[in-house]
């Protein structure tokens, strides 16, 4: 699409005259085959324009999900207009500060923002599945055996093989697959709810003193522990044990469930391991296959946190062993 097409859409969406001066300022893309721009007019007013590739199915779901979340009082940017034919979206401008940008702030400040994020995602997790408007809002495939299998294959193919250059012994690989298959079964057996699926620090915007969730087009039904693992074992941000436990305890107290604290924590660490496998697979794929080398920089942190998650539970001994092998291998990878 040409800049003129984008500006025509922007003027229509914003209710401006055809002669109104609107600036179109490119922003760094957030992936998923989307291009972002900041629109500025009247000197002080602004909005965000997105042009997306419809070949990536989840991009086509964004607008309807955004309206659903806004109506459900989950804090998300307000949708201004969606043009499905031209693949344009205009939405509220939340500025440039995200949760990640506060990673060096004092714990008192960070804790407040993370508690607000957990309270926001709890609204999503609490939405009754029976009330979900399936005829109006489409979602990606639910978490289940097939998706969990895809995530662990993604991890082995793009991280273990491509990044670490490790070819697993067939016997060890069978044992690992059996272990991770049982992990998927346990995660599938937890309470099912709507999950964001990519709830990490760069997908939480801060405007004033409030938090807003973005990049939620991958929303689907699954275990809410996956979102908790995404946020509290985020490779982009470090927590002390005390800080992480404070936040996990805060969410536990928000929730209405019949799990004791020990079981809740165990589920959290298992789901964190699953999420971190997916993240490491993504870093390998984006870094090596898509030429986005910046993602490779997050591999050491992601692997360290995967090893920690696998160590926190008794059910993942083969994954722990694999993490040790990968830790030795990535030293060679990053030295080359």
C-alpha atoms as a PDB file:
ATOM      1  CA  UNK A   1       0.000   0.000   0.000  1.00  0.00           C
ATOM      2  CA  UNK A   2       1.225   3.485  -0.844  1.00  0.00           C
ATOM      3  CA  UNK A   3       1.546   6.295   1.728  1.00  0.00           C
ATOM      4  CA  UNK A   4      -1.338   8.060  -0.009  1.00  0.00           C
ATOM      5  CA  UNK A   5      -3.594   5.032   0.572  1.00  0.00           C
ATOM      6  CA  UNK A   6      -2.633   5.014   4.244  1.00  0.00           C
ATOM      7  CA  UNK A   7      -3.251   8.725   4.639  1.00  0.00           C
ATOM      8  CA  UNK A   8      -6.644   8.450   2.914  1.00  0.00           C
ATOM      9  CA  UNK A   9      -7.645   5.710   5.346  1.00  0.00           C
ATOM     10  CA  UNK A  10      -6.300   7.720   8.286  1.00  0.00           C
ATOM     11  CA  UNK A  11      -8.351  10.775   7.385  1.00  0.00           C
ATOM     12  CA  UNK A  12     -11.482   8.631   6.988  1.00  0.00           C
ATOM     13  CA  UNK A  13     -10.892   6.838  10.295  1.00  0.00           C
ATOM     14  CA  UNK A  14     -10.178  10.040  12.209  1.00  0.00           C
ATOM     15  CA  UNK A  15     -12.964  12.066  10.638  1.00  0.00           C
ATOM     16  CA  UNK A  16     -10.587  14.586   9.086  1.00  0.00           C
ATOM     17  CA  UNK A  17     -11.077  16.502   5.864  1.00  0.00           C
ATOM     18  CA  UNK A  18      -9.189  15.411   2.754  1.00  0.00           C
ATOM     19  CA  UNK A  19      -7.101  18.547   2.980  1.00  0.00           C
ATOM     20  CA  UNK A  20      -6.141  18.036   6.643  1.00  0.00           C
ATOM     21  CA  UNK A  21      -2.408  17.697   7.241  1.00  0.00           C
ATOM     22  CA  UNK A  22      -1.539  14.282   8.702  1.00  0.00           C
ATOM     23  CA  UNK A  23       2.009  13.048   9.295  1.00  0.00           C
ATOM     24  CA  UNK A  24       2.799   9.366   8.804  1.00  0.00           C
ATOM     25  CA  UNK A  25       5.788   8.353  10.970  1.00  0.00           C
ATOM     26  CA  UNK A  26       7.154   4.785  10.636  1.00  0.00           C
ATOM     27  CA  UNK A  27       7.605   2.835  13.891  1.00  0.00           C
ATOM     28  CA  UNK A  28       9.680  -0.215  14.576  1.00  0.00           C
ATOM     29  CA  UNK A  29       7.579  -3.245  13.694  1.00  0.00           C
ATOM     30  CA  UNK A  30       6.486  -5.729  16.314  1.00  0.00           C
ATOM     31  CA  UNK A  31       6.587  -8.759  14.044  1.00  0.00           C
ATOM     32  CA  UNK A  32       3.797 -10.984  12.749  1.00  0.00           C
ATOM     33  CA  UNK A  33       4.054  -9.333   9.316  1.00  0.00           C
ATOM     34  CA  UNK A  34       2.651  -6.023  10.492  1.00  0.00           C
ATOM     35  CA  UNK A  35       3.904  -2.506   9.790  1.00  0.00           C
ATOM     36  CA  UNK A  36       3.283   0.267  12.324  1.00  0.00           C
ATOM     37  CA  UNK A  37       3.016   4.033  11.883  1.00  0.00           C
ATOM     38  CA  UNK A  38       2.249   6.909  14.202  1.00  0.00           C
ATOM     39  CA  UNK A  39      -0.249   9.392  12.805  1.00  0.00           C
ATOM     40  CA  UNK A  40       0.059  13.014  13.930  1.00  0.00           C
ATOM     41  CA  UNK A  41      -2.317  15.883  13.220  1.00  0.00           C
ATOM     42  CA  UNK A  42      -3.241  19.200  14.850  1.00  0.00           C
ATOM     43  CA  UNK A  43       0.284  19.224  16.309  1.00  0.00           C
ATOM     44  CA  UNK A  44      -0.721  17.346  19.500  1.00  0.00           C
ATOM     45  CA  UNK A  45      -3.137  14.588  18.411  1.00  0.00           C
ATOM     46  CA  UNK A  46      -1.922  11.111  17.495  1.00  0.00           C
ATOM     47  CA  UNK A  47      -3.055   7.574  16.722  1.00  0.00           C
ATOM     48  CA  UNK A  48      -1.459   4.340  15.517  1.00  0.00           C
ATOM     49  CA  UNK A  49      -1.969   2.912  12.031  1.00  0.00           C
ATOM     50  CA  UNK A  50      -1.234  -0.744  11.330  1.00  0.00           C
ATOM     51  CA  UNK A  51      -0.960  -2.405   7.939  1.00  0.00           C
ATOM     52  CA  UNK A  52      -1.008  -6.199   8.231  1.00  0.00           C
ATOM     53  CA  UNK A  53      -0.406  -9.198   5.996  1.00  0.00           C
ATOM     54  CA  UNK A  54      -3.653 -11.249   5.829  1.00  0.00           C
ATOM     55  CA  UNK A  55      -1.720 -14.382   4.903  1.00  0.00           C
ATOM     56  CA  UNK A  56      -0.857 -14.693   8.578  1.00  0.00           C
ATOM     57  CA  UNK A  57      -4.261 -15.729   9.881  1.00  0.00           C
ATOM     58  CA  UNK A  58      -3.946 -14.361  13.406  1.00  0.00           C
ATOM     59  CA  UNK A  59      -3.482 -10.845  11.988  1.00  0.00           C
ATOM     60  CA  UNK A  60      -7.027 -11.030  10.590  1.00  0.00           C
ATOM     61  CA  UNK A  61      -8.373 -11.801  14.072  1.00  0.00           C
ATOM     62  CA  UNK A  62      -6.827  -8.800  15.827  1.00  0.00           C
ATOM     63  CA  UNK A  63      -9.593  -6.240  15.361  1.00  0.00           C
ATOM     64  CA  UNK A  64     -12.453  -8.428  16.596  1.00  0.00           C
ATOM     65  CA  UNK A  65     -10.390  -9.593  19.572  1.00  0.00           C
ATOM     66  CA  UNK A  66      -9.527  -5.966  20.387  1.00  0.00           C
ATOM     67  CA  UNK A  67     -13.194  -4.984  20.486  1.00  0.00           C
ATOM     68  CA  UNK A  68     -14.059  -8.022  22.603  1.00  0.00           C
ATOM     69  CA  UNK A  69     -11.318  -7.248  25.134  1.00  0.00           C
ATOM     70  CA  UNK A  70     -12.243  -3.564  25.288  1.00  0.00           C
ATOM     71  CA  UNK A  71     -15.889  -4.445  25.935  1.00  0.00           C
ATOM     72  CA  UNK A  72     -14.796  -6.948  28.601  1.00  0.00           C
ATOM     73  CA  UNK A  73     -12.840  -4.162  30.357  1.00  0.00           C
ATOM     74  CA  UNK A  74      -9.479  -5.747  29.771  1.00  0.00           C
ATOM     75  CA  UNK A  75      -7.167  -2.717  29.325  1.00  0.00           C
ATOM     76  CA  UNK A  76      -6.235  -2.663  25.635  1.00  0.00           C
ATOM     77  CA  UNK A  77      -5.885   0.113  23.049  1.00  0.00           C
ATOM     78  CA  UNK A  78      -9.210   1.402  21.743  1.00  0.00           C
ATOM     79  CA  UNK A  79      -9.914   0.352  18.169  1.00  0.00           C
ATOM     80  CA  UNK A  80     -10.797   3.355  16.007  1.00  0.00           C
ATOM     81  CA  UNK A  81     -11.445   1.653  12.673  1.00  0.00           C
ATOM     82  CA  UNK A  82     -10.673  -1.569  10.826  1.00  0.00           C
ATOM     83  CA  UNK A  83     -10.646  -1.846   7.035  1.00  0.00           C
ATOM     84  CA  UNK A  84     -10.461  -5.577   6.337  1.00  0.00           C
ATOM     85  CA  UNK A  85     -10.314  -5.061   2.583  1.00  0.00           C
ATOM     86  CA  UNK A  86      -7.201  -2.906   2.706  1.00  0.00           C
ATOM     87  CA  UNK A  87      -5.808  -4.588   5.863  1.00  0.00           C
ATOM     88  CA  UNK A  88      -5.632  -1.319   7.817  1.00  0.00           C
ATOM     89  CA  UNK A  89      -6.275  -0.753  11.511  1.00  0.00           C
ATOM     90  CA  UNK A  90      -6.362   2.590  13.302  1.00  0.00           C
ATOM     91  CA  UNK A  91      -6.165   2.494  17.075  1.00  0.00           C
ATOM     92  CA  UNK A  92      -5.376   4.488  20.190  1.00  0.00           C
ATOM     93  CA  UNK A  93      -1.778   5.661  20.611  1.00  0.00           C
ATOM     94  CA  UNK A  94      -0.403   4.389  23.929  1.00  0.00           C
ATOM     95  CA  UNK A  95       2.973   6.083  23.584  1.00  0.00           C
ATOM     96  CA  UNK A  96       6.388   4.425  23.672  1.00  0.00           C
ATOM     97  CA  UNK A  97       6.821   3.158  27.244  1.00  0.00           C
ATOM     98  CA  UNK A  98       6.409  -0.542  27.882  1.00  0.00           C
ATOM     99  CA  UNK A  99       6.904  -2.686  30.969  1.00  0.00           C
ATOM    100  CA  UNK A 100      10.359  -3.661  29.703  1.00  0.00           C
ATOM    101  CA  UNK A 101      11.502  -0.021  29.816  1.00  0.00           C
ATOM    102  CA  UNK A 102      11.037  -0.110  33.624  1.00  0.00           C
ATOM    103  CA  UNK A 103      13.291  -3.158  34.090  1.00  0.00           C
ATOM    104  CA  UNK A 104      15.963  -1.101  35.898  1.00  0.00           C
ATOM    105  CA  UNK A 105      13.496   0.779  38.115  1.00  0.00           C
ATOM    106  CA  UNK A 106      13.277   0.138  41.844  1.00  0.00           C
ATOM    107  CA  UNK A 107      11.220  -2.815  42.950  1.00  0.00           C
ATOM    108  CA  UNK A 108       8.506  -0.697  44.557  1.00  0.00           C
ATOM    109  CA  UNK A 109       7.732   0.939  41.201  1.00  0.00           C
ATOM    110  CA  UNK A 110       8.018  -2.286  39.208  1.00  0.00           C
ATOM    111  CA  UNK A 111       5.892  -4.234  41.656  1.00  0.00           C
ATOM    112  CA  UNK A 112       2.989  -1.811  41.227  1.00  0.00           C
ATOM    113  CA  UNK A 113       3.113  -2.115  37.429  1.00  0.00           C
ATOM    114  CA  UNK A 114       3.383  -5.903  37.512  1.00  0.00           C
ATOM    115  CA  UNK A 115       0.499  -6.174  39.959  1.00  0.00           C
ATOM    116  CA  UNK A 116      -1.619  -4.055  37.621  1.00  0.00           C
ATOM    117  CA  UNK A 117      -0.609  -6.324  34.731  1.00  0.00           C
ATOM    118  CA  UNK A 118      -1.575  -9.425  36.701  1.00  0.00           C
ATOM    119  CA  UNK A 119      -4.897  -7.852  37.662  1.00  0.00           C
ATOM    120  CA  UNK A 120      -5.529  -7.027  33.991  1.00  0.00           C
ATOM    121  CA  UNK A 121      -4.755 -10.519  32.744  1.00  0.00           C
ATOM    122  CA  UNK A 122      -6.834 -11.988  35.555  1.00  0.00           C
ATOM    123  CA  UNK A 123      -9.887 -10.295  34.012  1.00  0.00           C
ATOM    124  CA  UNK A 124      -9.164 -12.212  30.805  1.00  0.00           C
ATOM    125  CA  UNK A 125      -8.511 -15.493  32.617  1.00  0.00           C
ATOM    126  CA  UNK A 126     -11.780 -15.141  34.538  1.00  0.00           C
ATOM    127  CA  UNK A 127     -14.022 -14.677  31.503  1.00  0.00           C
ATOM    128  CA  UNK A 128     -16.498 -17.615  31.393  1.00  0.00           C
ATOM    129  CA  UNK A 129     -15.879 -19.857  28.404  1.00  0.00           C
ATOM    130  CA  UNK A 130     -19.623 -20.434  27.986  1.00  0.00           C
ATOM    131  CA  UNK A 131     -20.102 -16.680  27.409  1.00  0.00           C
ATOM    132  CA  UNK A 132     -17.429 -16.318  24.739  1.00  0.00           C
ATOM    133  CA  UNK A 133     -18.935 -14.891  21.498  1.00  0.00           C
ATOM    134  CA  UNK A 134     -17.760 -17.658  19.155  1.00  0.00           C
ATOM    135  CA  UNK A 135     -19.922 -16.352  16.297  1.00  0.00           C
ATOM    136  CA  UNK A 136     -18.273 -12.924  16.389  1.00  0.00           C
ATOM    137  CA  UNK A 137     -14.684 -13.468  17.536  1.00  0.00           C
ATOM    138  CA  UNK A 138     -12.381 -16.019  15.944  1.00  0.00           C
ATOM    139  CA  UNK A 139      -9.379 -17.445  17.753  1.00  0.00           C
ATOM    140  CA  UNK A 140      -6.346 -19.502  16.886  1.00  0.00           C
ATOM    141  CA  UNK A 141      -6.130 -23.205  17.749  1.00  0.00           C
ATOM    142  CA  UNK A 142      -6.700 -23.929  21.453  1.00  0.00           C
ATOM    143  CA  UNK A 143      -3.863 -25.230  23.568  1.00  0.00           C
ATOM    144  CA  UNK A 144      -3.947 -29.010  23.546  1.00  0.00           C
ATOM    145  CA  UNK A 145      -1.828 -32.008  22.520  1.00  0.00           C
ATOM    146  CA  UNK A 146      -1.272 -30.789  18.947  1.00  0.00           C
ATOM    147  CA  UNK A 147      -0.171 -27.259  19.857  1.00  0.00           C
ATOM    148  CA  UNK A 148       2.024 -28.408  22.729  1.00  0.00           C
ATOM    149  CA  UNK A 149       3.645 -30.935  20.374  1.00  0.00           C
ATOM    150  CA  UNK A 150       4.219 -28.201  17.805  1.00  0.00           C
ATOM    151  CA  UNK A 151       5.905 -26.005  20.435  1.00  0.00           C
ATOM    152  CA  UNK A 152       8.316 -28.696  21.608  1.00  0.00           C
ATOM    153  CA  UNK A 153       9.132 -29.681  18.002  1.00  0.00           C
ATOM    154  CA  UNK A 154       9.747 -25.999  17.243  1.00  0.00           C
ATOM    155  CA  UNK A 155      12.147 -25.889  20.214  1.00  0.00           C
ATOM    156  CA  UNK A 156      14.049 -28.999  19.147  1.00  0.00           C
ATOM    157  CA  UNK A 157      14.228 -28.047  15.471  1.00  0.00           C
ATOM    158  CA  UNK A 158      15.107 -24.364  15.669  1.00  0.00           C
ATOM    159  CA  UNK A 159      16.963 -24.193  18.959  1.00  0.00           C
ATOM    160  CA  UNK A 160      18.451 -27.572  19.877  1.00  0.00           C
ATOM    161  CA  UNK A 161      19.394 -28.511  16.301  1.00  0.00           C
ATOM    162  CA  UNK A 162      19.866 -25.172  14.528  1.00  0.00           C
ATOM    163  CA  UNK A 163      21.352 -23.039  17.309  1.00  0.00           C
ATOM    164  CA  UNK A 164      23.031 -25.609  19.561  1.00  0.00           C
ATOM    165  CA  UNK A 165      23.885 -28.014  16.694  1.00  0.00           C
ATOM    166  CA  UNK A 166      23.007 -30.958  18.924  1.00  0.00           C
ATOM    167  CA  UNK A 167      21.807 -34.230  17.414  1.00  0.00           C
ATOM    168  CA  UNK A 168      20.145 -36.139  20.199  1.00  0.00           C
ATOM    169  CA  UNK A 169      20.779 -39.807  20.847  1.00  0.00           C
ATOM    170  CA  UNK A 170      17.650 -41.707  19.669  1.00  0.00           C
ATOM    171  CA  UNK A 171      17.096 -43.325  23.076  1.00  0.00           C
ATOM    172  CA  UNK A 172      17.432 -39.989  24.895  1.00  0.00           C
ATOM    173  CA  UNK A 173      15.151 -38.307  22.352  1.00  0.00           C
ATOM    174  CA  UNK A 174      12.430 -40.927  22.914  1.00  0.00           C
ATOM    175  CA  UNK A 175      12.665 -40.448  26.673  1.00  0.00           C
ATOM    176  CA  UNK A 176      12.574 -36.667  26.285  1.00  0.00           C
ATOM    177  CA  UNK A 177       9.533 -36.870  24.002  1.00  0.00           C
ATOM    178  CA  UNK A 178       7.707 -39.097  26.491  1.00  0.00           C
ATOM    179  CA  UNK A 179       8.542 -36.651  29.305  1.00  0.00           C
ATOM    180  CA  UNK A 180       7.358 -33.610  27.371  1.00  0.00           C
ATOM    181  CA  UNK A 181       4.242 -35.415  26.173  1.00  0.00           C
ATOM    182  CA  UNK A 182       3.321 -36.100  29.808  1.00  0.00           C
ATOM    183  CA  UNK A 183       3.972 -32.423  30.561  1.00  0.00           C
ATOM    184  CA  UNK A 184       1.484 -31.483  27.834  1.00  0.00           C
ATOM    185  CA  UNK A 185      -1.093 -33.840  29.322  1.00  0.00           C
ATOM    186  CA  UNK A 186      -0.724 -32.247  32.746  1.00  0.00           C
ATOM    187  CA  UNK A 187      -1.020 -28.727  31.351  1.00  0.00           C
ATOM    188  CA  UNK A 188      -4.100 -29.762  29.359  1.00  0.00           C
ATOM    189  CA  UNK A 189      -5.609 -31.040  32.602  1.00  0.00           C
ATOM    190  CA  UNK A 190      -5.489 -27.672  34.363  1.00  0.00           C
ATOM    191  CA  UNK A 191      -8.380 -25.213  34.386  1.00  0.00           C
ATOM    192  CA  UNK A 192      -9.046 -23.883  30.889  1.00  0.00           C
ATOM    193  CA  UNK A 193      -9.365 -20.140  30.298  1.00  0.00           C
ATOM    194  CA  UNK A 194      -8.631 -17.465  27.753  1.00  0.00           C
ATOM    195  CA  UNK A 195      -4.901 -16.752  27.564  1.00  0.00           C
ATOM    196  CA  UNK A 196      -2.972 -13.951  25.897  1.00  0.00           C
ATOM    197  CA  UNK A 197      -0.229 -16.387  24.766  1.00  0.00           C
ATOM    198  CA  UNK A 198       2.583 -13.774  24.508  1.00  0.00           C
ATOM    199  CA  UNK A 199       2.334 -11.897  27.798  1.00  0.00           C
ATOM    200  CA  UNK A 200       5.904 -10.598  28.047  1.00  0.00           C
ATOM    201  CA  UNK A 201       7.201  -7.195  29.121  1.00  0.00           C
ATOM    202  CA  UNK A 202       7.294  -5.662  25.636  1.00  0.00           C
ATOM    203  CA  UNK A 203       3.608  -6.460  25.137  1.00  0.00           C
ATOM    204  CA  UNK A 204       2.473  -4.395  28.127  1.00  0.00           C
ATOM    205  CA  UNK A 205       2.344  -0.646  27.474  1.00  0.00           C
ATOM    206  CA  UNK A 206       2.419   1.975  30.225  1.00  0.00           C
ATOM    207  CA  UNK A 207       0.410   5.167  29.735  1.00  0.00           C
ATOM    208  CA  UNK A 208       0.414   7.466  32.725  1.00  0.00           C
ATOM    209  CA  UNK A 209       0.153   5.052  35.634  1.00  0.00           C
ATOM    210  CA  UNK A 210      -1.966   2.450  33.855  1.00  0.00           C
ATOM    211  CA  UNK A 211      -1.074  -0.723  31.954  1.00  0.00           C
ATOM    212  CA  UNK A 212      -2.455  -1.837  28.583  1.00  0.00           C
ATOM    213  CA  UNK A 213      -2.058  -5.217  26.907  1.00  0.00           C
ATOM    214  CA  UNK A 214      -1.094  -5.358  23.229  1.00  0.00           C
ATOM    215  CA  UNK A 215      -0.199  -8.015  20.617  1.00  0.00           C
ATOM    216  CA  UNK A 216      -3.060 -10.243  21.740  1.00  0.00           C
ATOM    217  CA  UNK A 217      -3.978 -11.590  18.290  1.00  0.00           C
ATOM    218  CA  UNK A 218      -2.724 -15.032  19.385  1.00  0.00           C
ATOM    219  CA  UNK A 219      -5.313 -15.220  22.183  1.00  0.00           C
ATOM    220  CA  UNK A 220      -6.866 -18.659  22.623  1.00  0.00           C
ATOM    221  CA  UNK A 221      -8.163 -21.055  25.255  1.00  0.00           C
ATOM    222  CA  UNK A 222      -5.589 -22.882  27.342  1.00  0.00           C
ATOM    223  CA  UNK A 223      -3.997 -22.866  30.791  1.00  0.00           C
ATOM    224  CA  UNK A 224      -3.619 -19.487  32.479  1.00  0.00           C
ATOM    225  CA  UNK A 225      -0.306 -20.746  33.906  1.00  0.00           C
ATOM    226  CA  UNK A 226       1.168 -20.242  30.421  1.00  0.00           C
ATOM    227  CA  UNK A 227       0.565 -16.480  30.708  1.00  0.00           C
ATOM    228  CA  UNK A 228       2.034 -16.410  34.214  1.00  0.00           C
ATOM    229  CA  UNK A 229       5.143 -18.184  32.946  1.00  0.00           C
ATOM    230  CA  UNK A 230       5.389 -15.758  30.010  1.00  0.00           C
ATOM    231  CA  UNK A 231       5.333 -12.741  32.329  1.00  0.00           C
ATOM    232  CA  UNK A 232       7.258 -13.937  35.380  1.00  0.00           C
ATOM    233  CA  UNK A 233       9.905 -15.997  33.541  1.00  0.00           C
ATOM    234  CA  UNK A 234      10.305 -13.407  30.781  1.00  0.00           C
ATOM    235  CA  UNK A 235      13.778 -13.755  29.188  1.00  0.00           C
ATOM    236  CA  UNK A 236      13.865  -9.968  28.747  1.00  0.00           C
ATOM    237  CA  UNK A 237      13.554  -9.195  32.481  1.00  0.00           C
ATOM    238  CA  UNK A 238      15.122 -10.566  35.665  1.00  0.00           C
ATOM    239  CA  UNK A 239      13.403 -11.100  39.018  1.00  0.00           C
ATOM    240  CA  UNK A 240      14.774 -12.240  42.319  1.00  0.00           C
ATOM    241  CA  UNK A 241      13.094 -15.275  43.868  1.00  0.00           C
ATOM    242  CA  UNK A 242      11.472 -13.013  46.439  1.00  0.00           C
ATOM    243  CA  UNK A 243      10.101 -10.656  43.771  1.00  0.00           C
ATOM    244  CA  UNK A 244       8.726 -13.454  41.608  1.00  0.00           C
ATOM    245  CA  UNK A 245       7.118 -15.184  44.581  1.00  0.00           C
ATOM    246  CA  UNK A 246       5.493 -11.913  45.674  1.00  0.00           C
ATOM    247  CA  UNK A 247       3.883 -11.537  42.248  1.00  0.00           C
ATOM    248  CA  UNK A 248       2.883 -15.180  41.952  1.00  0.00           C
ATOM    249  CA  UNK A 249       1.341 -15.028  45.425  1.00  0.00           C
ATOM    250  CA  UNK A 250      -0.543 -11.863  44.450  1.00  0.00           C
ATOM    251  CA  UNK A 251      -2.111 -13.631  41.468  1.00  0.00           C
ATOM    252  CA  UNK A 252      -2.862 -16.709  43.595  1.00  0.00           C
ATOM    253  CA  UNK A 253      -4.828 -14.540  46.015  1.00  0.00           C
ATOM    254  CA  UNK A 254      -6.792 -12.997  43.125  1.00  0.00           C
ATOM    255  CA  UNK A 255      -7.879 -16.385  41.845  1.00  0.00           C
ATOM    256  CA  UNK A 256     -10.832 -18.521  42.793  1.00  0.00           C
ATOM    257  CA  UNK A 257      -9.487 -22.074  42.571  1.00  0.00           C
ATOM    258  CA  UNK A 258      -9.090 -25.250  44.579  1.00  0.00           C
ATOM    259  CA  UNK A 259      -5.314 -25.657  44.169  1.00  0.00           C
ATOM    260  CA  UNK A 260      -3.085 -25.499  47.206  1.00  0.00           C
ATOM    261  CA  UNK A 261      -0.065 -23.203  47.012  1.00  0.00           C
ATOM    262  CA  UNK A 262       2.477 -25.992  46.409  1.00  0.00           C
ATOM    263  CA  UNK A 263       0.450 -27.425  43.515  1.00  0.00           C
ATOM    264  CA  UNK A 264      -0.108 -23.932  42.092  1.00  0.00           C
ATOM    265  CA  UNK A 265       3.643 -23.205  42.098  1.00  0.00           C
ATOM    266  CA  UNK A 266       4.429 -26.565  40.531  1.00  0.00           C
ATOM    267  CA  UNK A 267       1.947 -25.874  37.709  1.00  0.00           C
ATOM    268  CA  UNK A 268       3.511 -22.448  37.247  1.00  0.00           C
ATOM    269  CA  UNK A 269       7.022 -23.852  36.811  1.00  0.00           C
ATOM    270  CA  UNK A 270       5.868 -26.591  34.449  1.00  0.00           C
ATOM    271  CA  UNK A 271       3.980 -24.104  32.274  1.00  0.00           C
ATOM    272  CA  UNK A 272       7.002 -21.786  32.376  1.00  0.00           C
ATOM    273  CA  UNK A 273       9.157 -24.595  30.971  1.00  0.00           C
ATOM    274  CA  UNK A 274       6.680 -25.111  28.131  1.00  0.00           C
ATOM    275  CA  UNK A 275       6.573 -21.392  27.348  1.00  0.00           C
ATOM    276  CA  UNK A 276      10.358 -21.018  27.443  1.00  0.00           C
ATOM    277  CA  UNK A 277      10.805 -23.897  24.998  1.00  0.00           C
ATOM    278  CA  UNK A 278       8.516 -22.042  22.597  1.00  0.00           C
ATOM    279  CA  UNK A 279      10.412 -18.775  23.126  1.00  0.00           C
ATOM    280  CA  UNK A 280      13.816 -20.362  22.485  1.00  0.00           C
ATOM    281  CA  UNK A 281      12.497 -21.980  19.320  1.00  0.00           C
ATOM    282  CA  UNK A 282      11.253 -18.562  18.201  1.00  0.00           C
ATOM    283  CA  UNK A 283      14.603 -16.902  18.924  1.00  0.00           C
ATOM    284  CA  UNK A 284      16.383 -19.527  16.840  1.00  0.00           C
ATOM    285  CA  UNK A 285      13.907 -19.310  13.966  1.00  0.00           C
ATOM    286  CA  UNK A 286      13.755 -15.510  13.851  1.00  0.00           C
ATOM    287  CA  UNK A 287      17.486 -15.095  14.375  1.00  0.00           C
ATOM    288  CA  UNK A 288      18.698 -17.674  11.862  1.00  0.00           C
ATOM    289  CA  UNK A 289      15.856 -18.071   9.354  1.00  0.00           C
ATOM    290  CA  UNK A 290      14.518 -14.523   9.290  1.00  0.00           C
ATOM    291  CA  UNK A 291      17.836 -12.722   9.748  1.00  0.00           C
ATOM    292  CA  UNK A 292      16.671 -10.926  12.921  1.00  0.00           C
ATOM    293  CA  UNK A 293      19.903 -11.347  14.842  1.00  0.00           C
ATOM    294  CA  UNK A 294      18.760  -9.318  17.858  1.00  0.00           C
ATOM    295  CA  UNK A 295      16.619 -12.262  18.959  1.00  0.00           C
ATOM    296  CA  UNK A 296      19.726 -14.420  19.343  1.00  0.00           C
ATOM    297  CA  UNK A 297      20.923 -12.106  22.122  1.00  0.00           C
ATOM    298  CA  UNK A 298      18.088 -13.315  24.361  1.00  0.00           C
ATOM    299  CA  UNK A 299      19.030 -16.985  24.099  1.00  0.00           C
ATOM    300  CA  UNK A 300      21.376 -17.152  27.133  1.00  0.00           C
ATOM    301  CA  UNK A 301      18.738 -15.628  29.419  1.00  0.00           C
ATOM    302  CA  UNK A 302      15.956 -17.797  27.973  1.00  0.00           C
ATOM    303  CA  UNK A 303      17.994 -20.975  28.351  1.00  0.00           C
ATOM    304  CA  UNK A 304      19.035 -20.094  31.899  1.00  0.00           C
ATOM    305  CA  UNK A 305      15.389 -19.611  32.839  1.00  0.00           C
ATOM    306  CA  UNK A 306      14.322 -22.824  31.099  1.00  0.00           C
ATOM    307  CA  UNK A 307      16.953 -24.703  33.097  1.00  0.00           C
ATOM    308  CA  UNK A 308      15.690 -23.071  36.288  1.00  0.00           C
ATOM    309  CA  UNK A 309      12.072 -23.981  35.516  1.00  0.00           C
ATOM    310  CA  UNK A 310      13.008 -27.607  34.775  1.00  0.00           C
ATOM    311  CA  UNK A 311      15.013 -27.733  38.021  1.00  0.00           C
ATOM    312  CA  UNK A 312      12.119 -26.437  40.130  1.00  0.00           C
ATOM    313  CA  UNK A 313      10.000 -29.540  39.424  1.00  0.00           C
ATOM    314  CA  UNK A 314      10.735 -33.244  39.757  1.00  0.00           C
ATOM    315  CA  UNK A 315       8.982 -34.177  36.519  1.00  0.00           C
ATOM    316  CA  UNK A 316      11.481 -32.890  33.933  1.00  0.00           C
ATOM    317  CA  UNK A 317      14.864 -34.658  34.440  1.00  0.00           C
ATOM    318  CA  UNK A 318      15.520 -35.172  30.718  1.00  0.00           C
ATOM    319  CA  UNK A 319      14.781 -31.532  29.967  1.00  0.00           C
ATOM    320  CA  UNK A 320      17.232 -30.524  32.709  1.00  0.00           C
ATOM    321  CA  UNK A 321      19.872 -32.723  31.113  1.00  0.00           C
ATOM    322  CA  UNK A 322      19.195 -31.222  27.709  1.00  0.00           C
ATOM    323  CA  UNK A 323      19.549 -27.712  29.157  1.00  0.00           C
ATOM    324  CA  UNK A 324      23.014 -28.593  30.460  1.00  0.00           C
ATOM    325  CA  UNK A 325      24.035 -29.821  27.004  1.00  0.00           C
ATOM    326  CA  UNK A 326      22.661 -26.679  25.367  1.00  0.00           C
ATOM    327  CA  UNK A 327      24.413 -24.380  27.833  1.00  0.00           C
ATOM    328  CA  UNK A 328      27.751 -25.830  26.763  1.00  0.00           C
ATOM    329  CA  UNK A 329      26.798 -25.613  23.104  1.00  0.00           C
ATOM    330  CA  UNK A 330      25.680 -21.976  23.039  1.00  0.00           C
ATOM    331  CA  UNK A 331      29.012 -20.849  24.418  1.00  0.00           C
ATOM    332  CA  UNK A 332      30.567 -22.180  21.221  1.00  0.00           C
ATOM    333  CA  UNK A 333      27.724 -20.662  19.144  1.00  0.00           C
ATOM    334  CA  UNK A 334      28.162 -17.128  20.486  1.00  0.00           C
ATOM    335  CA  UNK A 335      31.976 -17.270  20.314  1.00  0.00           C
ATOM    336  CA  UNK A 336      32.003 -18.125  16.607  1.00  0.00           C
END
